[in-house]
PDB file of N, CA and C in Angstrom:
ATOM      1  N   MET A   1     -55.827  57.335  63.180  1.00  0.00           N
ATOM      2  CA  MET A   1     -55.534  57.848  64.470  1.00  0.00           C
ATOM      3  C   MET A   1     -55.532  56.954  65.505  1.00  0.00           C
ATOM      4  N   LEU A   2     -56.491  55.971  65.502  1.00  0.00           N
ATOM      5  CA  LEU A   2     -56.620  54.926  66.630  1.00  0.00           C
ATOM      6  C   LEU A   2     -55.304  54.083  66.614  1.00  0.00           C
ATOM      7  N   ALA A   3     -54.803  53.788  65.520  1.00  0.00           N
ATOM      8  CA  ALA A   3     -53.582  52.980  65.512  1.00  0.00           C
ATOM      9  C   ALA A   3     -52.502  53.650  66.184  1.00  0.00           C
ATOM     10  N   MET A   4     -52.459  55.027  65.919  1.00  0.00           N
ATOM     11  CA  MET A   4     -51.421  55.778  66.660  1.00  0.00           C
ATOM     12  C   MET A   4     -51.637  55.915  68.080  1.00  0.00           C
ATOM     13  N   TRP A   5     -52.925  55.960  68.511  1.00  0.00           N
ATOM     14  CA  TRP A   5     -53.283  56.036  69.924  1.00  0.00           C
ATOM     15  C   TRP A   5     -52.890  54.682  70.639  1.00  0.00           C
ATOM     16  N   THR A   6     -53.240  53.513  69.956  1.00  0.00           N
ATOM     17  CA  THR A   6     -52.835  52.320  70.522  1.00  0.00           C
ATOM     18  C   THR A   6     -51.303  52.099  70.735  1.00  0.00           C
ATOM     19  N   CYS A   7     -50.598  52.541  69.785  1.00  0.00           N
ATOM     20  CA  CYS A   7     -49.107  52.499  69.833  1.00  0.00           C
ATOM     21  C   CYS A   7     -48.619  53.411  71.014  1.00  0.00           C
ATOM     22  N   ARG A   8     -49.113  54.614  71.114  1.00  0.00           N
ATOM     23  CA  ARG A   8     -48.617  55.484  72.202  1.00  0.00           C
ATOM     24  C   ARG A   8     -49.205  54.962  73.554  1.00  0.00           C
ATOM     25  N   ALA A   9     -50.356  54.451  73.606  1.00  0.00           N
ATOM     26  CA  ALA A   9     -50.999  54.014  74.836  1.00  0.00           C
ATOM     27  C   ALA A   9     -50.080  52.910  75.523  1.00  0.00           C
ATOM     28  N   ARG A  10     -49.475  52.051  74.659  1.00  0.00           N
ATOM     29  CA  ARG A  10     -48.629  50.963  75.127  1.00  0.00           C
ATOM     30  C   ARG A  10     -47.549  51.525  76.013  1.00  0.00           C
ATOM     31  N   ARG A  11     -47.085  52.635  75.744  1.00  0.00           N
ATOM     32  CA  ARG A  11     -45.931  53.221  76.344  1.00  0.00           C
ATOM     33  C   ARG A  11     -46.432  54.100  77.611  1.00  0.00           C
ATOM     34  N   ALA A  12     -47.741  54.214  77.676  1.00  0.00           N
ATOM     35  CA  ALA A  12     -48.232  55.001  78.813  1.00  0.00           C
ATOM     36  C   ALA A  12     -47.947  54.304  80.064  1.00  0.00           C
ATOM     37  N   PRO A  13     -47.710  55.094  81.197  1.00  0.00           N
ATOM     38  CA  PRO A  13     -47.339  54.445  82.490  1.00  0.00           C
ATOM     39  C   PRO A  13     -48.493  53.831  83.286  1.00  0.00           C
ATOM     40  N   THR A  14     -49.652  53.828  82.652  1.00  0.00           N
ATOM     41  CA  THR A  14     -50.800  53.333  83.456  1.00  0.00           C
ATOM     42  C   THR A  14     -51.498  52.163  82.537  1.00  0.00           C
ATOM     43  N   GLY A  15     -52.152  51.314  83.311  1.00  0.00           N
ATOM     44  CA  GLY A  15     -52.964  50.282  82.613  1.00  0.00           C
ATOM     45  C   GLY A  15     -54.335  50.818  82.221  1.00  0.00           C
ATOM     46  N   GLY A  16     -54.571  52.078  82.593  1.00  0.00           N
ATOM     47  CA  GLY A  16     -55.890  52.659  82.263  1.00  0.00           C
ATOM     48  C   GLY A  16     -56.210  52.706  80.740  1.00  0.00           C
ATOM     49  N   ALA A  17     -55.131  52.948  80.013  1.00  0.00           N
ATOM     50  CA  ALA A  17     -55.309  53.033  78.545  1.00  0.00           C
ATOM     51  C   ALA A  17     -55.744  51.647  78.103  1.00  0.00           C
ATOM     52  N   ALA A  18     -55.174  50.672  78.465  1.00  0.00           N
ATOM     53  CA  ALA A  18     -55.542  49.248  78.009  1.00  0.00           C
ATOM     54  C   ALA A  18     -56.896  48.955  78.391  1.00  0.00           C
ATOM     55  N   HIS A  19     -57.207  49.333  79.683  1.00  0.00           N
ATOM     56  CA  HIS A  19     -58.581  48.979  80.063  1.00  0.00           C
ATOM     57  C   HIS A  19     -59.660  49.709  79.294  1.00  0.00           C
ATOM     58  N   LEU A  20     -59.354  51.002  79.141  1.00  0.00           N
ATOM     59  CA  LEU A  20     -60.324  51.766  78.241  1.00  0.00           C
ATOM     60  C   LEU A  20     -60.539  51.170  76.828  1.00  0.00           C
ATOM     61  N   ALA A  21     -59.379  50.706  76.333  1.00  0.00           N
ATOM     62  CA  ALA A  21     -59.331  50.104  74.926  1.00  0.00           C
ATOM     63  C   ALA A  21     -60.192  48.900  74.908  1.00  0.00           C
ATOM     64  N   GLU A  22     -59.959  48.008  76.004  1.00  0.00           N
ATOM     65  CA  GLU A  22     -60.662  46.734  76.033  1.00  0.00           C
ATOM     66  C   GLU A  22     -62.220  46.921  76.190  1.00  0.00           C
ATOM     67  N   HIS A  23     -62.551  48.104  76.734  1.00  0.00           N
ATOM     68  CA  HIS A  23     -64.022  48.399  76.965  1.00  0.00           C
ATOM     69  C   HIS A  23     -64.420  49.573  76.046  1.00  0.00           C
ATOM     70  N   ARG A  24     -63.877  49.684  74.869  1.00  0.00           N
ATOM     71  CA  ARG A  24     -64.079  50.804  73.980  1.00  0.00           C
ATOM     72  C   ARG A  24     -65.585  50.943  73.795  1.00  0.00           C
ATOM     73  N   GLY A  25     -66.005  52.108  73.882  1.00  0.00           N
ATOM     74  CA  GLY A  25     -67.521  52.555  73.687  1.00  0.00           C
ATOM     75  C   GLY A  25     -68.296  52.396  74.941  1.00  0.00           C
ATOM     76  N   GLN A  26     -67.796  51.847  76.041  1.00  0.00           N
ATOM     77  CA  GLN A  26     -68.487  51.740  77.284  1.00  0.00           C
ATOM     78  C   GLN A  26     -68.093  53.023  78.144  1.00  0.00           C
ATOM     79  N   VAL A  27     -68.997  53.300  79.025  1.00  0.00           N
ATOM     80  CA  VAL A  27     -68.664  54.495  79.964  1.00  0.00           C
ATOM     81  C   VAL A  27     -68.090  53.734  81.184  1.00  0.00           C
ATOM     82  N   LEU A  28     -66.880  54.164  81.638  1.00  0.00           N
ATOM     83  CA  LEU A  28     -66.287  53.544  82.849  1.00  0.00           C
ATOM     84  C   LEU A  28     -66.208  54.617  83.863  1.00  0.00           C
ATOM     85  N   SER A  29     -66.640  54.310  85.064  1.00  0.00           N
ATOM     86  CA  SER A  29     -66.673  55.399  86.123  1.00  0.00           C
ATOM     87  C   SER A  29     -65.253  55.386  86.833  1.00  0.00           C
ATOM     88  N   ARG A  30     -65.064  56.507  87.456  1.00  0.00           N
ATOM     89  CA  ARG A  30     -63.754  56.691  88.211  1.00  0.00           C
ATOM     90  C   ARG A  30     -63.605  55.419  89.174  1.00  0.00           C
ATOM     91  N   ASP A  31     -64.556  55.116  89.822  1.00  0.00           N
ATOM     92  CA  ASP A  31     -64.409  53.985  90.794  1.00  0.00           C
ATOM     93  C   ASP A  31     -64.119  52.661  90.182  1.00  0.00           C
ATOM     94  N   VAL A  32     -64.645  52.297  89.005  1.00  0.00           N
ATOM     95  CA  VAL A  32     -64.361  51.188  88.233  1.00  0.00           C
ATOM     96  C   VAL A  32     -62.919  51.242  87.852  1.00  0.00           C
ATOM     97  N   LEU A  33     -62.501  52.368  87.316  1.00  0.00           N
ATOM     98  CA  LEU A  33     -61.086  52.449  86.810  1.00  0.00           C
ATOM     99  C   LEU A  33     -60.131  52.295  88.004  1.00  0.00           C
ATOM    100  N   LEU A  34     -60.462  52.878  89.183  1.00  0.00           N
ATOM    101  CA  LEU A  34     -59.515  52.671  90.321  1.00  0.00           C
ATOM    102  C   LEU A  34     -59.462  51.283  90.718  1.00  0.00           C
ATOM    103  N   GLU A  35     -60.599  50.532  90.725  1.00  0.00           N
ATOM    104  CA  GLU A  35     -60.657  49.182  91.260  1.00  0.00           C
ATOM    105  C   GLU A  35     -59.986  48.203  90.210  1.00  0.00           C
ATOM    106  N   ARG A  36     -60.344  48.472  88.902  1.00  0.00           N
ATOM    107  CA  ARG A  36     -59.795  47.480  87.924  1.00  0.00           C
ATOM    108  C   ARG A  36     -58.352  47.692  87.401  1.00  0.00           C
ATOM    109  N   VAL A  37     -58.019  48.985  87.351  1.00  0.00           N
ATOM    110  CA  VAL A  37     -56.719  49.344  87.002  1.00  0.00           C
ATOM    111  C   VAL A  37     -55.675  49.439  88.020  1.00  0.00           C
ATOM    112  N   TRP A  38     -55.970  49.989  89.114  1.00  0.00           N
ATOM    113  CA  TRP A  38     -55.090  50.121  90.211  1.00  0.00           C
ATOM    114  C   TRP A  38     -55.233  49.078  91.274  1.00  0.00           C
ATOM    115  N   GLY A  39     -56.328  48.299  91.098  1.00  0.00           N
ATOM    116  CA  GLY A  39     -56.515  47.149  91.945  1.00  0.00           C
ATOM    117  C   GLY A  39     -56.904  47.445  93.470  1.00  0.00           C
ATOM    118  N   TYR A  40     -57.594  48.499  93.611  1.00  0.00           N
ATOM    119  CA  TYR A  40     -58.066  48.758  95.055  1.00  0.00           C
ATOM    120  C   TYR A  40     -59.260  49.729  95.066  1.00  0.00           C
ATOM    121  N   GLU A  41     -60.002  49.617  96.234  1.00  0.00           N
ATOM    122  CA  GLU A  41     -61.099  50.444  96.349  1.00  0.00           C
ATOM    123  C   GLU A  41     -60.511  51.688  97.024  1.00  0.00           C
ATOM    124  N   TYR A  42     -60.950  52.856  96.525  1.00  0.00           N
ATOM    125  CA  TYR A  42     -60.314  54.187  97.027  1.00  0.00           C
ATOM    126  C   TYR A  42     -61.514  54.896  97.629  1.00  0.00           C
ATOM    127  N   VAL A  43     -61.339  55.250  98.865  1.00  0.00           N
ATOM    128  CA  VAL A  43     -62.466  55.900  99.596  1.00  0.00           C
ATOM    129  C   VAL A  43     -62.399  57.437  99.472  1.00  0.00           C
ATOM    130  N   GLY A  44     -61.257  57.917  99.312  1.00  0.00           N
ATOM    131  CA  GLY A  44     -61.016  59.345  99.264  1.00  0.00           C
ATOM    132  C   GLY A  44     -61.245  60.010  97.935  1.00  0.00           C
ATOM    133  N   ASP A  45     -60.472  60.959  97.555  1.00  0.00           N
ATOM    134  CA  ASP A  45     -60.648  61.803  96.232  1.00  0.00           C
ATOM    135  C   ASP A  45     -60.243  60.859  95.099  1.00  0.00           C
ATOM    136  N   THR A  46     -61.206  60.818  94.119  1.00  0.00           N
ATOM    137  CA  THR A  46     -60.981  59.961  92.838  1.00  0.00           C
ATOM    138  C   THR A  46     -60.351  60.862  91.810  1.00  0.00           C
ATOM    139  N   ARG A  47     -59.783  62.017  92.158  1.00  0.00           N
ATOM    140  CA  ARG A  47     -59.233  62.924  91.075  1.00  0.00           C
ATOM    141  C   ARG A  47     -57.946  62.335  90.569  1.00  0.00           C
ATOM    142  N   LEU A  48     -57.443  61.332  91.219  1.00  0.00           N
ATOM    143  CA  LEU A  48     -56.214  60.661  90.571  1.00  0.00           C
ATOM    144  C   LEU A  48     -56.494  60.120  89.198  1.00  0.00           C
ATOM    145  N   VAL A  49     -57.717  59.607  89.057  1.00  0.00           N
ATOM    146  CA  VAL A  49     -58.158  59.126  87.703  1.00  0.00           C
ATOM    147  C   VAL A  49     -58.100  60.381  86.646  1.00  0.00           C
ATOM    148  N   ASP A  50     -58.708  61.547  87.143  1.00  0.00           N
ATOM    149  CA  ASP A  50     -58.735  62.668  86.338  1.00  0.00           C
ATOM    150  C   ASP A  50     -57.363  62.994  85.848  1.00  0.00           C
ATOM    151  N   ALA A  51     -56.422  63.037  86.670  1.00  0.00           N
ATOM    152  CA  ALA A  51     -55.061  63.459  86.455  1.00  0.00           C
ATOM    153  C   ALA A  51     -54.440  62.455  85.270  1.00  0.00           C
ATOM    154  N   HIS A  52     -54.702  61.115  85.491  1.00  0.00           N
ATOM    155  CA  HIS A  52     -54.274  60.166  84.429  1.00  0.00           C
ATOM    156  C   HIS A  52     -55.106  60.341  83.109  1.00  0.00           C
ATOM    157  N   ILE A  53     -56.221  60.668  83.167  1.00  0.00           N
ATOM    158  CA  ILE A  53     -56.953  60.999  81.872  1.00  0.00           C
ATOM    159  C   ILE A  53     -56.526  62.128  81.169  1.00  0.00           C
ATOM    160  N   ARG A  54     -56.166  63.175  81.949  1.00  0.00           N
ATOM    161  CA  ARG A  54     -55.548  64.414  81.347  1.00  0.00           C
ATOM    162  C   ARG A  54     -54.227  64.090  80.680  1.00  0.00           C
ATOM    163  N   ARG A  55     -53.413  63.307  81.302  1.00  0.00           N
ATOM    164  CA  ARG A  55     -52.120  62.971  80.822  1.00  0.00           C
ATOM    165  C   ARG A  55     -52.277  62.070  79.592  1.00  0.00           C
ATOM    166  N   LEU A  56     -53.142  61.135  79.609  1.00  0.00           N
ATOM    167  CA  LEU A  56     -53.421  60.345  78.476  1.00  0.00           C
ATOM    168  C   LEU A  56     -53.934  61.083  77.280  1.00  0.00           C
ATOM    169  N   ARG A  57     -54.872  62.025  77.547  1.00  0.00           N
ATOM    170  CA  ARG A  57     -55.307  62.951  76.485  1.00  0.00           C
ATOM    171  C   ARG A  57     -54.234  63.694  75.806  1.00  0.00           C
ATOM    172  N   THR A  58     -53.257  64.099  76.466  1.00  0.00           N
ATOM    173  CA  THR A  58     -52.082  64.780  75.821  1.00  0.00           C
ATOM    174  C   THR A  58     -51.302  63.886  74.780  1.00  0.00           C
ATOM    175  N   LYS A  59     -51.496  62.616  75.041  1.00  0.00           N
ATOM    176  CA  LYS A  59     -50.749  61.728  74.172  1.00  0.00           C
ATOM    177  C   LYS A  59     -51.535  61.322  72.981  1.00  0.00           C
ATOM    178  N   ILE A  60     -52.859  61.295  73.160  1.00  0.00           N
ATOM    179  CA  ILE A  60     -53.748  60.702  71.986  1.00  0.00           C
ATOM    180  C   ILE A  60     -54.649  61.698  71.325  1.00  0.00           C
ATOM    181  N   GLU A  61     -54.843  62.913  71.901  1.00  0.00           N
ATOM    182  CA  GLU A  61     -55.778  63.851  71.248  1.00  0.00           C
ATOM    183  C   GLU A  61     -54.898  64.889  70.473  1.00  0.00           C
ATOM    184  N   ASP A  62     -55.433  65.334  69.375  1.00  0.00           N
ATOM    185  CA  ASP A  62     -54.884  66.487  68.645  1.00  0.00           C
ATOM    186  C   ASP A  62     -55.003  67.661  69.529  1.00  0.00           C
ATOM    187  N   ASP A  63     -56.149  67.918  70.074  1.00  0.00           N
ATOM    188  CA  ASP A  63     -56.358  69.048  71.011  1.00  0.00           C
ATOM    189  C   ASP A  63     -56.966  68.523  72.295  1.00  0.00           C
ATOM    190  N   PRO A  64     -56.155  68.266  73.348  1.00  0.00           N
ATOM    191  CA  PRO A  64     -56.665  67.690  74.611  1.00  0.00           C
ATOM    192  C   PRO A  64     -57.777  68.507  75.246  1.00  0.00           C
ATOM    193  N   ALA A  65     -57.757  69.914  74.919  1.00  0.00           N
ATOM    194  CA  ALA A  65     -58.862  70.635  75.629  1.00  0.00           C
ATOM    195  C   ALA A  65     -60.226  70.430  75.018  1.00  0.00           C
ATOM    196  N   GLU A  66     -60.225  69.842  73.806  1.00  0.00           N
ATOM    197  CA  GLU A  66     -61.462  69.493  73.053  1.00  0.00           C
ATOM    198  C   GLU A  66     -61.474  68.002  72.649  1.00  0.00           C
ATOM    199  N   PRO A  67     -61.543  67.102  73.526  1.00  0.00           N
ATOM    200  CA  PRO A  67     -61.190  65.668  73.211  1.00  0.00           C
ATOM    201  C   PRO A  67     -62.318  65.089  72.334  1.00  0.00           C
ATOM    202  N   LEU A  68     -61.827  64.320  71.396  1.00  0.00           N
ATOM    203  CA  LEU A  68     -62.697  63.601  70.481  1.00  0.00           C
ATOM    204  C   LEU A  68     -62.591  62.058  70.619  1.00  0.00           C
ATOM    205  N   ILE A  69     -61.661  61.585  71.217  1.00  0.00           N
ATOM    206  CA  ILE A  69     -61.300  60.137  71.418  1.00  0.00           C
ATOM    207  C   ILE A  69     -61.713  59.677  72.811  1.00  0.00           C
ATOM    208  N   LEU A  70     -61.155  60.342  73.771  1.00  0.00           N
ATOM    209  CA  LEU A  70     -61.404  60.042  75.174  1.00  0.00           C
ATOM    210  C   LEU A  70     -62.312  61.024  75.859  1.00  0.00           C
ATOM    211  N   ILE A  71     -63.687  60.733  75.837  1.00  0.00           N
ATOM    212  CA  ILE A  71     -64.728  61.645  76.223  1.00  0.00           C
ATOM    213  C   ILE A  71     -65.135  61.512  77.692  1.00  0.00           C
ATOM    214  N   THR A  72     -65.327  62.652  78.253  1.00  0.00           N
ATOM    215  CA  THR A  72     -65.865  62.708  79.612  1.00  0.00           C
ATOM    216  C   THR A  72     -67.401  62.650  79.441  1.00  0.00           C
ATOM    217  N   VAL A  73     -68.026  61.746  80.156  1.00  0.00           N
ATOM    218  CA  VAL A  73     -69.491  61.660  80.263  1.00  0.00           C
ATOM    219  C   VAL A  73     -69.837  62.206  81.707  1.00  0.00           C
ATOM    220  N   ARG A  74     -70.352  63.342  81.593  1.00  0.00           N
ATOM    221  CA  ARG A  74     -70.540  64.120  82.831  1.00  0.00           C
ATOM    222  C   ARG A  74     -71.370  63.361  83.934  1.00  0.00           C
ATOM    223  N   GLY A  75     -70.829  63.262  85.128  1.00  0.00           N
ATOM    224  CA  GLY A  75     -71.540  62.558  86.164  1.00  0.00           C
ATOM    225  C   GLY A  75     -71.422  61.043  86.125  1.00  0.00           C
ATOM    226  N   LEU A  76     -70.837  60.446  85.037  1.00  0.00           N
ATOM    227  CA  LEU A  76     -70.751  58.954  84.874  1.00  0.00           C
ATOM    228  C   LEU A  76     -69.300  58.477  84.899  1.00  0.00           C
ATOM    229  N   GLY A  77     -68.419  59.069  84.028  1.00  0.00           N
ATOM    230  CA  GLY A  77     -67.108  58.619  83.888  1.00  0.00           C
ATOM    231  C   GLY A  77     -66.441  58.989  82.536  1.00  0.00           C
ATOM    232  N   TYR A  78     -65.788  58.017  81.951  1.00  0.00           N
ATOM    233  CA  TYR A  78     -65.111  58.261  80.696  1.00  0.00           C
ATOM    234  C   TYR A  78     -65.415  57.234  79.693  1.00  0.00           C
ATOM    235  N   ARG A  79     -65.397  57.568  78.451  1.00  0.00           N
ATOM    236  CA  ARG A  79     -65.661  56.598  77.409  1.00  0.00           C
ATOM    237  C   ARG A  79     -64.550  56.835  76.275  1.00  0.00           C
ATOM    238  N   LEU A  80     -63.990  55.778  75.745  1.00  0.00           N
ATOM    239  CA  LEU A  80     -63.180  55.807  74.597  1.00  0.00           C
ATOM    240  C   LEU A  80     -64.016  55.502  73.337  1.00  0.00           C
ATOM    241  N   VAL A  81     -63.910  56.434  72.373  1.00  0.00           N
ATOM    242  CA  VAL A  81     -64.653  56.215  71.289  1.00  0.00           C
ATOM    243  C   VAL A  81     -63.674  55.944  70.039  1.00  0.00           C
ATOM    244  N   THR A  82     -64.139  55.322  69.108  1.00  0.00           N
ATOM    245  CA  THR A  82     -63.384  54.927  67.880  1.00  0.00           C
ATOM    246  C   THR A  82     -63.570  55.959  66.880  1.00  0.00           C
ATOM    247  N   PRO A  83     -62.538  56.726  66.468  1.00  0.00           N
ATOM    248  CA  PRO A  83     -62.793  57.847  65.466  1.00  0.00           C
ATOM    249  C   PRO A  83     -63.091  57.278  64.182  1.00  0.00           C
TER     250      PRO A  83
END
């Protein structure tokens, strides 16, 4: 499944997938993703990241509503786990 995810993620329109893959197993906050992936500090609403995570889940998860690969860590951020 991860090999399929990696292949699909390369075609994803964001560098977020690559950054999550490089830091597999680590929790990355929205702020960290905004800064490292999009290259800027964002003072406003960070829901931009949530939208990209949702889109990415539709590409990598069997059931995006019940993610097993790209996990939300409530109050902290997101973590990519190796199945």
